[in-house]
C-alpha atoms as a PDB file:
ATOM      1  CA  MET A   1      18.046 -29.071 -27.199  1.00  0.00           C
ATOM      2  CA  ALA A   2      15.282 -26.340 -26.556  1.00  0.00           C
ATOM      3  CA  SER A   3      11.681 -27.790 -26.578  1.00  0.00           C
ATOM      4  CA  LEU A   4       8.363 -25.977 -27.120  1.00  0.00           C
ATOM      5  CA  ALA A   5       5.713 -25.858 -24.602  1.00  0.00           C
ATOM      6  CA  VAL A   6       2.280 -24.454 -24.245  1.00  0.00           C
ATOM      7  CA  THR A   7      -0.171 -23.231 -21.647  1.00  0.00           C
ATOM      8  CA  ALA A   8      -2.911 -25.630 -20.915  1.00  0.00           C
ATOM      9  CA  PRO A   9      -5.979 -23.524 -20.194  1.00  0.00           C
ATOM     10  CA  PHE A  10      -8.594 -25.298 -17.666  1.00  0.00           C
ATOM     11  CA  GLY A  11     -11.679 -23.895 -16.650  1.00  0.00           C
ATOM     12  CA  PHE A  12     -12.302 -21.524 -19.786  1.00  0.00           C
ATOM     13  CA  THR A  13     -14.231 -21.958 -23.051  1.00  0.00           C
ATOM     14  CA  PHE A  14     -11.460 -24.267 -24.554  1.00  0.00           C
ATOM     15  CA  ASP A  15     -11.722 -28.104 -25.403  1.00  0.00           C
ATOM     16  CA  VAL A  16      -8.449 -28.580 -23.651  1.00  0.00           C
ATOM     17  CA  LEU A  17      -7.978 -32.023 -24.968  1.00  0.00           C
ATOM     18  CA  ARG A  18      -8.317 -30.614 -28.676  1.00  0.00           C
ATOM     19  CA  PHE A  19      -6.339 -27.788 -27.704  1.00  0.00           C
ATOM     20  CA  LEU A  20      -3.358 -29.438 -26.603  1.00  0.00           C
ATOM     21  CA  ARG A  21      -3.598 -31.954 -29.619  1.00  0.00           C
ATOM     22  CA  ALA A  22      -3.682 -29.011 -31.883  1.00  0.00           C
ATOM     23  CA  TYR A  23      -0.487 -27.280 -30.042  1.00  0.00           C
ATOM     24  CA  LYS A  24       1.239 -30.695 -30.186  1.00  0.00           C
ATOM     25  CA  ALA A  25       0.855 -30.759 -34.167  1.00  0.00           C
ATOM     26  CA  LEU A  26       2.490 -27.708 -34.003  1.00  0.00           C
ATOM     27  CA  GLY A  27       5.718 -28.950 -32.354  1.00  0.00           C
ATOM     28  CA  VAL A  28       4.588 -28.853 -28.570  1.00  0.00           C
ATOM     29  CA  ARG A  29       5.993 -31.425 -26.411  1.00  0.00           C
ATOM     30  CA  SER A  30       4.834 -30.295 -22.979  1.00  0.00           C
ATOM     31  CA  ALA A  31       2.221 -28.042 -21.256  1.00  0.00           C
ATOM     32  CA  GLN A  32       2.240 -25.248 -18.288  1.00  0.00           C
ATOM     33  CA  PHE A  33      -0.930 -26.100 -16.372  1.00  0.00           C
ATOM     34  CA  TYR A  34      -3.161 -22.851 -15.749  1.00  0.00           C
ATOM     35  CA  ARG A  35      -6.491 -22.809 -14.492  1.00  0.00           C
ATOM     36  CA  ASN A  36      -9.484 -20.562 -13.807  1.00  0.00           C
ATOM     37  CA  GLU A  37      -9.554 -20.484 -10.134  1.00  0.00           C
ATOM     38  CA  LYS A  38     -13.463 -20.451 -10.065  1.00  0.00           C
ATOM     39  CA  ALA A  39     -13.482 -23.586 -12.075  1.00  0.00           C
ATOM     40  CA  PRO A  40     -10.440 -25.881 -11.733  1.00  0.00           C
ATOM     41  CA  PRO A  41     -10.162 -29.072 -12.788  1.00  0.00           C
ATOM     42  CA  THR A  42      -9.347 -32.100 -10.524  1.00  0.00           C
ATOM     43  CA  LEU A  43      -5.948 -33.466 -10.426  1.00  0.00           C
ATOM     44  CA  ASN A  44      -7.137 -36.502 -11.946  1.00  0.00           C
ATOM     45  CA  GLU A  45      -9.110 -34.546 -14.475  1.00  0.00           C
ATOM     46  CA  ALA A  46      -6.039 -32.648 -15.610  1.00  0.00           C
ATOM     47  CA  LEU A  47      -3.819 -35.774 -15.615  1.00  0.00           C
ATOM     48  CA  ALA A  48      -6.221 -37.611 -17.841  1.00  0.00           C
ATOM     49  CA  ILE A  49      -6.416 -34.985 -20.260  1.00  0.00           C
ATOM     50  CA  SER A  50      -2.490 -34.569 -20.518  1.00  0.00           C
ATOM     51  CA  ASN A  51      -2.173 -38.254 -20.849  1.00  0.00           C
ATOM     52  CA  GLN A  52      -4.751 -38.372 -23.541  1.00  0.00           C
ATOM     53  CA  ALA A  53      -3.145 -35.815 -25.416  1.00  0.00           C
ATOM     54  CA  GLY A  54       0.405 -37.049 -24.861  1.00  0.00           C
ATOM     55  CA  VAL A  55       1.386 -33.640 -23.690  1.00  0.00           C
ATOM     56  CA  PRO A  56       3.157 -34.082 -20.050  1.00  0.00           C
ATOM     57  CA  PHE A  57       3.210 -31.055 -17.696  1.00  0.00           C
ATOM     58  CA  ASP A  58       6.436 -29.439 -17.163  1.00  0.00           C
ATOM     59  CA  SER A  59       5.405 -26.573 -14.823  1.00  0.00           C
ATOM     60  CA  ILE A  60       2.392 -24.793 -13.370  1.00  0.00           C
ATOM     61  CA  HIS A  61       1.439 -21.242 -13.652  1.00  0.00           C
ATOM     62  CA  GLY A  62       0.862 -20.155 -10.139  1.00  0.00           C
ATOM     63  CA  VAL A  63      -2.183 -18.233  -8.958  1.00  0.00           C
ATOM     64  CA  PHE A  64      -2.041 -14.365  -9.343  1.00  0.00           C
ATOM     65  CA  GLY A  65      -4.008 -11.155  -9.332  1.00  0.00           C
ATOM     66  CA  PRO A  66      -4.920  -8.273  -7.349  1.00  0.00           C
ATOM     67  CA  HIS A  67      -5.242 -10.562  -4.261  1.00  0.00           C
ATOM     68  CA  LEU A  68      -1.837 -11.694  -4.271  1.00  0.00           C
ATOM     69  CA  ASP A  69       1.048  -9.374  -3.597  1.00  0.00           C
ATOM     70  CA  PRO A  70       4.406 -10.854  -2.796  1.00  0.00           C
ATOM     71  CA  SER A  71       6.404  -7.659  -2.816  1.00  0.00           C
ATOM     72  CA  GLY A  72       3.752  -5.883  -0.665  1.00  0.00           C
ATOM     73  CA  PRO A  73       4.494  -3.998   2.691  1.00  0.00           C
ATOM     74  CA  ASP A  74       2.176  -6.234   4.663  1.00  0.00           C
ATOM     75  CA  ALA A  75       4.345  -9.259   6.458  1.00  0.00           C
ATOM     76  CA  ALA A  76       1.115 -11.086   7.128  1.00  0.00           C
ATOM     77  CA  HIS A  77      -0.239 -10.943   3.515  1.00  0.00           C
ATOM     78  CA  ARG A  78       3.341 -11.968   2.237  1.00  0.00           C
ATOM     79  CA  ALA A  79       3.318 -15.061   4.684  1.00  0.00           C
ATOM     80  CA  HIS A  80      -0.043 -15.806   2.990  1.00  0.00           C
ATOM     81  CA  CYS A  81       1.255 -15.555  -0.406  1.00  0.00           C
ATOM     82  CA  LEU A  82       4.254 -17.917   0.678  1.00  0.00           C
ATOM     83  CA  LYS A  83       1.490 -20.745   2.185  1.00  0.00           C
ATOM     84  CA  VAL A  84      -0.271 -20.209  -1.366  1.00  0.00           C
ATOM     85  CA  TYR A  85       2.766 -20.815  -3.299  1.00  0.00           C
ATOM     86  CA  GLU A  86       3.872 -23.766  -0.872  1.00  0.00           C
ATOM     87  CA  ASP A  87       0.368 -25.415  -2.005  1.00  0.00           C
ATOM     88  CA  GLU A  88       1.080 -24.548  -5.651  1.00  0.00           C
ATOM     89  CA  GLY A  89       4.331 -26.299  -5.411  1.00  0.00           C
ATOM     90  CA  LYS A  90       2.702 -29.504  -4.062  1.00  0.00           C
ATOM     91  CA  LEU A  91       0.203 -29.376  -7.217  1.00  0.00           C
ATOM     92  CA  ALA A  92       3.258 -28.955  -9.459  1.00  0.00           C
ATOM     93  CA  ARG A  93       4.890 -32.161  -8.158  1.00  0.00           C
ATOM     94  CA  ASP A  94       1.469 -33.994  -8.015  1.00  0.00           C
ATOM     95  CA  LEU A  95       0.936 -32.994 -11.808  1.00  0.00           C
ATOM     96  CA  GLY A  96       4.597 -34.083 -12.391  1.00  0.00           C
ATOM     97  CA  GLY A  97       6.200 -30.942 -13.582  1.00  0.00           C
ATOM     98  CA  PRO A  98       7.940 -29.553 -10.474  1.00  0.00           C
ATOM     99  CA  MET A  99       8.123 -25.623 -11.810  1.00  0.00           C
ATOM    100  CA  VAL A 100       5.771 -23.034 -10.464  1.00  0.00           C
ATOM    101  CA  VAL A 101       5.673 -19.184 -12.134  1.00  0.00           C
ATOM    102  CA  VAL A 102       5.297 -16.664  -9.616  1.00  0.00           C
ATOM    103  CA  HIS A 103       4.422 -12.989 -10.267  1.00  0.00           C
ATOM    104  CA  PRO A 104       6.486 -10.719  -7.906  1.00  0.00           C
ATOM    105  CA  SER A 105       3.651  -8.233  -7.319  1.00  0.00           C
ATOM    106  CA  ALA A 106      -0.185  -7.861  -7.685  1.00  0.00           C
ATOM    107  CA  GLN A 107      -1.895  -6.512 -10.686  1.00  0.00           C
ATOM    108  CA  THR A 108      -3.659  -3.059 -10.385  1.00  0.00           C
ATOM    109  CA  PRO A 109      -7.254  -3.966  -9.526  1.00  0.00           C
ATOM    110  CA  ASP A 110      -8.602  -2.297 -12.655  1.00  0.00           C
ATOM    111  CA  MET A 111      -5.637  -3.508 -14.709  1.00  0.00           C
ATOM    112  CA  ARG A 112      -4.592   0.208 -15.091  1.00  0.00           C
ATOM    113  CA  ALA A 113      -0.936   0.715 -16.496  1.00  0.00           C
ATOM    114  CA  LEU A 114       1.291   2.694 -13.878  1.00  0.00           C
ATOM    115  CA  SER A 115       3.463   5.510 -15.232  1.00  0.00           C
ATOM    116  CA  ILE A 116       7.183   5.276 -15.004  1.00  0.00           C
ATOM    117  CA  ALA A 117       7.141   7.957 -12.025  1.00  0.00           C
ATOM    118  CA  GLU A 118       4.493   5.542 -10.321  1.00  0.00           C
ATOM    119  CA  LEU A 119       6.885   2.378 -10.913  1.00  0.00           C
ATOM    120  CA  MET A 120      10.027   4.143  -9.733  1.00  0.00           C
ATOM    121  CA  ALA A 121       8.215   5.196  -6.491  1.00  0.00           C
ATOM    122  CA  GLN A 122       7.185   1.968  -5.622  1.00  0.00           C
ATOM    123  CA  ALA A 123      10.796   0.192  -6.121  1.00  0.00           C
ATOM    124  CA  PRO A 124      12.644   1.387  -2.910  1.00  0.00           C
ATOM    125  CA  VAL A 125       9.475   0.378  -0.816  1.00  0.00           C
ATOM    126  CA  ARG A 126       8.952  -3.010  -2.386  1.00  0.00           C
ATOM    127  CA  TRP A 127      12.442  -4.393  -3.250  1.00  0.00           C
ATOM    128  CA  PRO A 128      13.216  -5.247   0.493  1.00  0.00           C
ATOM    129  CA  PRO A 129       9.989  -7.053   0.953  1.00  0.00           C
ATOM    130  CA  LEU A 130      10.350  -8.860  -2.274  1.00  0.00           C
ATOM    131  CA  MET A 131      14.040 -10.165  -1.566  1.00  0.00           C
ATOM    132  CA  GLU A 132      12.664 -11.509   1.753  1.00  0.00           C
ATOM    133  CA  PHE A 133       9.833 -13.189   0.084  1.00  0.00           C
ATOM    134  CA  MET A 134      12.241 -14.876  -2.415  1.00  0.00           C
ATOM    135  CA  ARG A 135      14.790 -15.978  -0.078  1.00  0.00           C
ATOM    136  CA  ASP A 136      11.710 -17.651   1.888  1.00  0.00           C
ATOM    137  CA  LEU A 137      10.363 -18.976  -1.348  1.00  0.00           C
ATOM    138  CA  ALA A 138      13.765 -20.481  -2.331  1.00  0.00           C
ATOM    139  CA  ALA A 139      14.044 -22.391   0.974  1.00  0.00           C
ATOM    140  CA  ILE A 140      10.458 -23.926   0.108  1.00  0.00           C
ATOM    141  CA  GLY A 141      11.682 -24.966  -3.024  1.00  0.00           C
ATOM    142  CA  GLU A 142      14.789 -26.576  -1.556  1.00  0.00           C
ATOM    143  CA  ARG A 143      12.334 -28.431   0.677  1.00  0.00           C
ATOM    144  CA  LEU A 144       9.912 -29.511  -1.638  1.00  0.00           C
ATOM    145  CA  GLY A 145      12.361 -30.268  -4.820  1.00  0.00           C
ATOM    146  CA  VAL A 146      10.390 -27.519  -6.764  1.00  0.00           C
ATOM    147  CA  VAL A 147      11.849 -24.788  -8.771  1.00  0.00           C
ATOM    148  CA  TYR A 148      10.240 -21.235  -8.339  1.00  0.00           C
ATOM    149  CA  LEU A 149      10.201 -19.137 -11.551  1.00  0.00           C
ATOM    150  CA  ILE A 150       9.859 -15.367 -10.992  1.00  0.00           C
ATOM    151  CA  GLU A 151       8.402 -13.668 -14.122  1.00  0.00           C
ATOM    152  CA  ASN A 152       8.785 -10.029 -15.365  1.00  0.00           C
ATOM    153  CA  GLN A 153       5.596  -8.153 -15.207  1.00  0.00           C
ATOM    154  CA  PRO A 154       3.853  -5.516 -17.473  1.00  0.00           C
ATOM    155  CA  PRO A 155       3.038  -2.233 -16.444  1.00  0.00           C
ATOM    156  CA  ASN A 156      -0.124  -3.070 -14.574  1.00  0.00           C
ATOM    157  CA  CYS A 157       2.113  -4.188 -11.739  1.00  0.00           C
ATOM    158  CA  PRO A 158       3.911  -1.936  -9.214  1.00  0.00           C
ATOM    159  CA  LEU A 159       7.183  -4.480  -9.301  1.00  0.00           C
ATOM    160  CA  GLY A 160       8.602  -6.660 -11.870  1.00  0.00           C
ATOM    161  CA  HIS A 161       8.623  -4.627 -15.089  1.00  0.00           C
ATOM    162  CA  ASP A 162      12.486  -4.292 -15.430  1.00  0.00           C
ATOM    163  CA  PRO A 163      13.685  -7.903 -16.270  1.00  0.00           C
ATOM    164  CA  LYS A 164      17.456  -7.261 -15.642  1.00  0.00           C
ATOM    165  CA  ALA A 165      16.670  -5.956 -12.035  1.00  0.00           C
ATOM    166  CA  LEU A 166      14.288  -8.499 -11.397  1.00  0.00           C
ATOM    167  CA  ALA A 167      16.999 -11.217 -12.650  1.00  0.00           C
ATOM    168  CA  GLU A 168      19.639  -9.695 -10.814  1.00  0.00           C
ATOM    169  CA  GLY A 169      17.257 -10.107  -7.557  1.00  0.00           C
ATOM    170  CA  VAL A 170      16.935 -13.843  -8.338  1.00  0.00           C
ATOM    171  CA  ALA A 171      20.513 -14.281  -8.919  1.00  0.00           C
ATOM    172  CA  MET A 172      21.247 -12.511  -5.503  1.00  0.00           C
ATOM    173  CA  ILE A 173      19.351 -15.357  -3.650  1.00  0.00           C
ATOM    174  CA  GLY A 174      21.677 -17.808  -5.044  1.00  0.00           C
ATOM    175  CA  SER A 175      19.434 -20.792  -5.003  1.00  0.00           C
ATOM    176  CA  SER A 176      19.038 -23.380  -7.613  1.00  0.00           C
ATOM    177  CA  LYS A 177      15.245 -23.335  -6.603  1.00  0.00           C
ATOM    178  CA  LEU A 178      14.782 -19.933  -7.412  1.00  0.00           C
ATOM    179  CA  LYS A 179      14.921 -19.098 -11.207  1.00  0.00           C
ATOM    180  CA  PHE A 180      13.708 -16.420 -13.749  1.00  0.00           C
ATOM    181  CA  CYS A 181      10.806 -16.788 -16.282  1.00  0.00           C
ATOM    182  CA  LEU A 182      11.128 -14.302 -19.277  1.00  0.00           C
ATOM    183  CA  ASP A 183       7.744 -13.133 -20.634  1.00  0.00           C
ATOM    184  CA  THR A 184       8.439 -11.732 -24.046  1.00  0.00           C
ATOM    185  CA  GLY A 185       5.017  -9.725 -24.208  1.00  0.00           C
ATOM    186  CA  HIS A 186       5.715  -8.203 -21.228  1.00  0.00           C
ATOM    187  CA  ALA A 187       9.256  -7.265 -21.957  1.00  0.00           C
ATOM    188  CA  HIS A 188       8.109  -5.775 -25.235  1.00  0.00           C
ATOM    189  CA  MET A 189       5.811  -3.569 -23.284  1.00  0.00           C
ATOM    190  CA  THR A 190       8.365  -2.192 -21.028  1.00  0.00           C
ATOM    191  CA  GLY A 191      11.465  -2.185 -22.615  1.00  0.00           C
ATOM    192  CA  ASP A 192      13.688  -4.113 -25.120  1.00  0.00           C
ATOM    193  CA  THR A 193      12.717  -7.758 -25.620  1.00  0.00           C
ATOM    194  CA  ILE A 194      16.016  -8.543 -27.341  1.00  0.00           C
ATOM    195  CA  LYS A 195      18.271  -7.159 -24.789  1.00  0.00           C
ATOM    196  CA  ALA A 196      16.286  -8.778 -21.892  1.00  0.00           C
ATOM    197  CA  VAL A 197      17.596 -12.165 -23.227  1.00  0.00           C
ATOM    198  CA  ALA A 198      21.163 -11.392 -22.448  1.00  0.00           C
ATOM    199  CA  ASP A 199      20.013  -9.386 -19.168  1.00  0.00           C
ATOM    200  CA  VAL A 200      18.405 -12.516 -17.673  1.00  0.00           C
ATOM    201  CA  SER A 201      20.194 -15.417 -19.199  1.00  0.00           C
ATOM    202  CA  ASP A 202      22.403 -16.384 -16.211  1.00  0.00           C
ATOM    203  CA  VAL A 203      19.235 -17.409 -14.130  1.00  0.00           C
ATOM    204  CA  LEU A 204      16.673 -18.062 -16.973  1.00  0.00           C
ATOM    205  CA  ALA A 205      14.943 -21.428 -16.844  1.00  0.00           C
ATOM    206  CA  TYR A 206      11.606 -20.837 -18.721  1.00  0.00           C
ATOM    207  CA  LEU A 207      10.057 -18.485 -21.307  1.00  0.00           C
ATOM    208  CA  HIS A 208       6.697 -17.253 -21.807  1.00  0.00           C
ATOM    209  CA  ILE A 209       6.662 -16.765 -25.605  1.00  0.00           C
ATOM    210  CA  HIS A 210       3.888 -14.363 -26.953  1.00  0.00           C
ATOM    211  CA  ASP A 211       3.608 -11.153 -29.144  1.00  0.00           C
ATOM    212  CA  ASN A 212       1.695  -7.894 -28.997  1.00  0.00           C
ATOM    213  CA  ASP A 213       1.774  -4.131 -30.287  1.00  0.00           C
ATOM    214  CA  ALA A 214       3.917  -3.062 -27.265  1.00  0.00           C
ATOM    215  CA  LYS A 215       0.700  -1.581 -25.769  1.00  0.00           C
ATOM    216  CA  VAL A 216      -1.941  -4.581 -24.852  1.00  0.00           C
ATOM    217  CA  ASP A 217      -0.915  -7.544 -23.247  1.00  0.00           C
ATOM    218  CA  ASP A 218      -3.434  -9.708 -25.555  1.00  0.00           C
ATOM    219  CA  HIS A 219      -0.998 -12.787 -26.086  1.00  0.00           C
ATOM    220  CA  ARG A 220      -0.648 -13.120 -29.681  1.00  0.00           C
ATOM    221  CA  MET A 221       1.346 -15.904 -31.677  1.00  0.00           C
ATOM    222  CA  PRO A 222       4.803 -14.650 -32.832  1.00  0.00           C
ATOM    223  CA  GLY A 223       4.712 -12.684 -35.774  1.00  0.00           C
ATOM    224  CA  ASP A 224       1.217 -11.381 -35.196  1.00  0.00           C
ATOM    225  CA  GLY A 225       2.412  -8.319 -32.986  1.00  0.00           C
ATOM    226  CA  THR A 226       5.510  -6.020 -33.443  1.00  0.00           C
ATOM    227  CA  VAL A 227       8.426  -8.148 -31.608  1.00  0.00           C
ATOM    228  CA  ASP A 228      11.463  -8.553 -33.783  1.00  0.00           C
ATOM    229  CA  TRP A 229      11.201 -12.345 -33.758  1.00  0.00           C
ATOM    230  CA  VAL A 230      14.162 -12.983 -36.225  1.00  0.00           C
ATOM    231  CA  ALA A 231      16.527 -10.790 -33.715  1.00  0.00           C
ATOM    232  CA  PHE A 232      14.703 -12.334 -30.740  1.00  0.00           C
ATOM    233  CA  GLY A 233      15.701 -15.864 -32.175  1.00  0.00           C
ATOM    234  CA  LYS A 234      19.168 -14.944 -32.856  1.00  0.00           C
ATOM    235  CA  ALA A 235      19.667 -13.700 -29.462  1.00  0.00           C
ATOM    236  CA  LEU A 236      18.306 -16.621 -27.768  1.00  0.00           C
ATOM    237  CA  ARG A 237      20.414 -18.821 -29.925  1.00  0.00           C
ATOM    238  CA  ALA A 238      23.493 -16.725 -29.182  1.00  0.00           C
ATOM    239  CA  SER A 239      22.877 -17.177 -25.419  1.00  0.00           C
ATOM    240  CA  GLY A 240      22.978 -21.044 -25.594  1.00  0.00           C
ATOM    241  CA  ASN A 241      19.870 -21.072 -23.267  1.00  0.00           C
ATOM    242  CA  GLU A 242      17.860 -24.207 -23.576  1.00  0.00           C
ATOM    243  CA  SER A 243      14.899 -23.612 -21.304  1.00  0.00           C
ATOM    244  CA  PRO A 244      11.538 -24.518 -22.536  1.00  0.00           C
ATOM    245  CA  ARG A 245       9.704 -22.014 -24.853  1.00  0.00           C
ATOM    246  CA  MET A 246       6.286 -22.098 -23.680  1.00  0.00           C
ATOM    247  CA  LEU A 247       3.640 -20.362 -26.004  1.00  0.00           C
ATOM    248  CA  GLU A 248       1.466 -18.492 -23.560  1.00  0.00           C
ATOM    249  CA  VAL A 249      -1.008 -17.888 -26.679  1.00  0.00           C
ATOM    250  CA  PHE A 250      -4.863 -18.618 -26.246  1.00  0.00           C
ATOM    251  CA  TYR A 251      -5.604 -19.078 -30.019  1.00  0.00           C
ATOM    252  CA  ASP A 252      -8.523 -21.579 -30.154  1.00  0.00           C
ATOM    253  CA  GLU A 253      -8.287 -24.858 -31.581  1.00  0.00           C
ATOM    254  CA  ALA A 254      -9.395 -24.223 -35.237  1.00  0.00           C
ATOM    255  CA  ARG A 255      -7.069 -21.184 -35.587  1.00  0.00           C
ATOM    256  CA  VAL A 256      -4.080 -23.507 -34.332  1.00  0.00           C
ATOM    257  CA  GLU A 257      -4.977 -26.344 -36.589  1.00  0.00           C
ATOM    258  CA  ALA A 258      -5.098 -23.775 -39.664  1.00  0.00           C
ATOM    259  CA  LEU A 259      -1.640 -22.693 -38.630  1.00  0.00           C
ATOM    260  CA  VAL A 260      -0.400 -26.419 -38.576  1.00  0.00           C
ATOM    261  CA  ALA A 261      -1.656 -26.877 -41.959  1.00  0.00           C
ATOM    262  CA  ALA A 262      -0.195 -23.708 -43.344  1.00  0.00           C
ATOM    263  CA  GLY A 263       3.065 -24.876 -42.124  1.00  0.00           C
ATOM    264  CA  TYR A 264       3.466 -22.384 -39.362  1.00  0.00           C
ATOM    265  CA  SER A 265       5.529 -24.771 -37.061  1.00  0.00           C
ATOM    266  CA  SER A 266       8.786 -23.876 -39.296  1.00  0.00           C
ATOM    267  CA  GLU A 267       8.316 -20.128 -38.270  1.00  0.00           C
ATOM    268  CA  LEU A 268       8.357 -21.097 -34.647  1.00  0.00           C
ATOM    269  CA  VAL A 269      11.606 -23.266 -35.241  1.00  0.00           C
ATOM    270  CA  ARG A 270      13.301 -20.027 -36.213  1.00  0.00           C
ATOM    271  CA  SER A 271      11.785 -17.467 -33.862  1.00  0.00           C
ATOM    272  CA  CYS A 272      12.080 -19.540 -30.856  1.00  0.00           C
ATOM    273  CA  ALA A 273      15.665 -20.924 -31.535  1.00  0.00           C
ATOM    274  CA  LEU A 274      14.476 -24.573 -31.283  1.00  0.00           C
END
């Protein structure tokens, strides 16, 4: 049976303990560790809050941004990225959730959305480096006992906006330590979220669940944007995939507590095929 998870945002404005407890009351059973790189918690601090909330870590969101570009043309930089994600794998193991989400390309420095023409022009240049990177990353995962999850991207990243193509690349590596993370909000911005479920199901091992208006990646709760969650829930249920459904939503504690009181958890059961 599929379970519900949530992001655990350390180093921001949230009271992480209250945050996790609020989401646990909504039905959450595990969390994905996520931190502000400028103000990260210590390992012991993170584990203490997780234990107090009764919400264990199932994974971490690997670091990302304009400074990390796994599909870039610079071999030395890709080697640097591999070292970064090896360290992330060790952190995931130490936290008790040996999965790491990895973005396949860097964000544009100004977060500018790229045009279809720009994205298509990048593909032939970036796919060979990404395939090499994913093969090397899978080997690290096999050595560490960690699963790396390649995540589809919004249009402000030069590669990764096509869930089907990205999932096919992951499948070609053929490793149990390299799988796919379907981000519903990103898929909604770049194509068809419902179709993406079938396109990636063979390698799908984790989901980032959130909503938007198909224009701005603002990580809303399901139902607060324009994703068809009835159709999504049906597609996910039909796929038979029972990977964790992680709410990548940053609603504050009081707002989530209000959703709990309003009975929103039953809506999540339907939309996320729990």
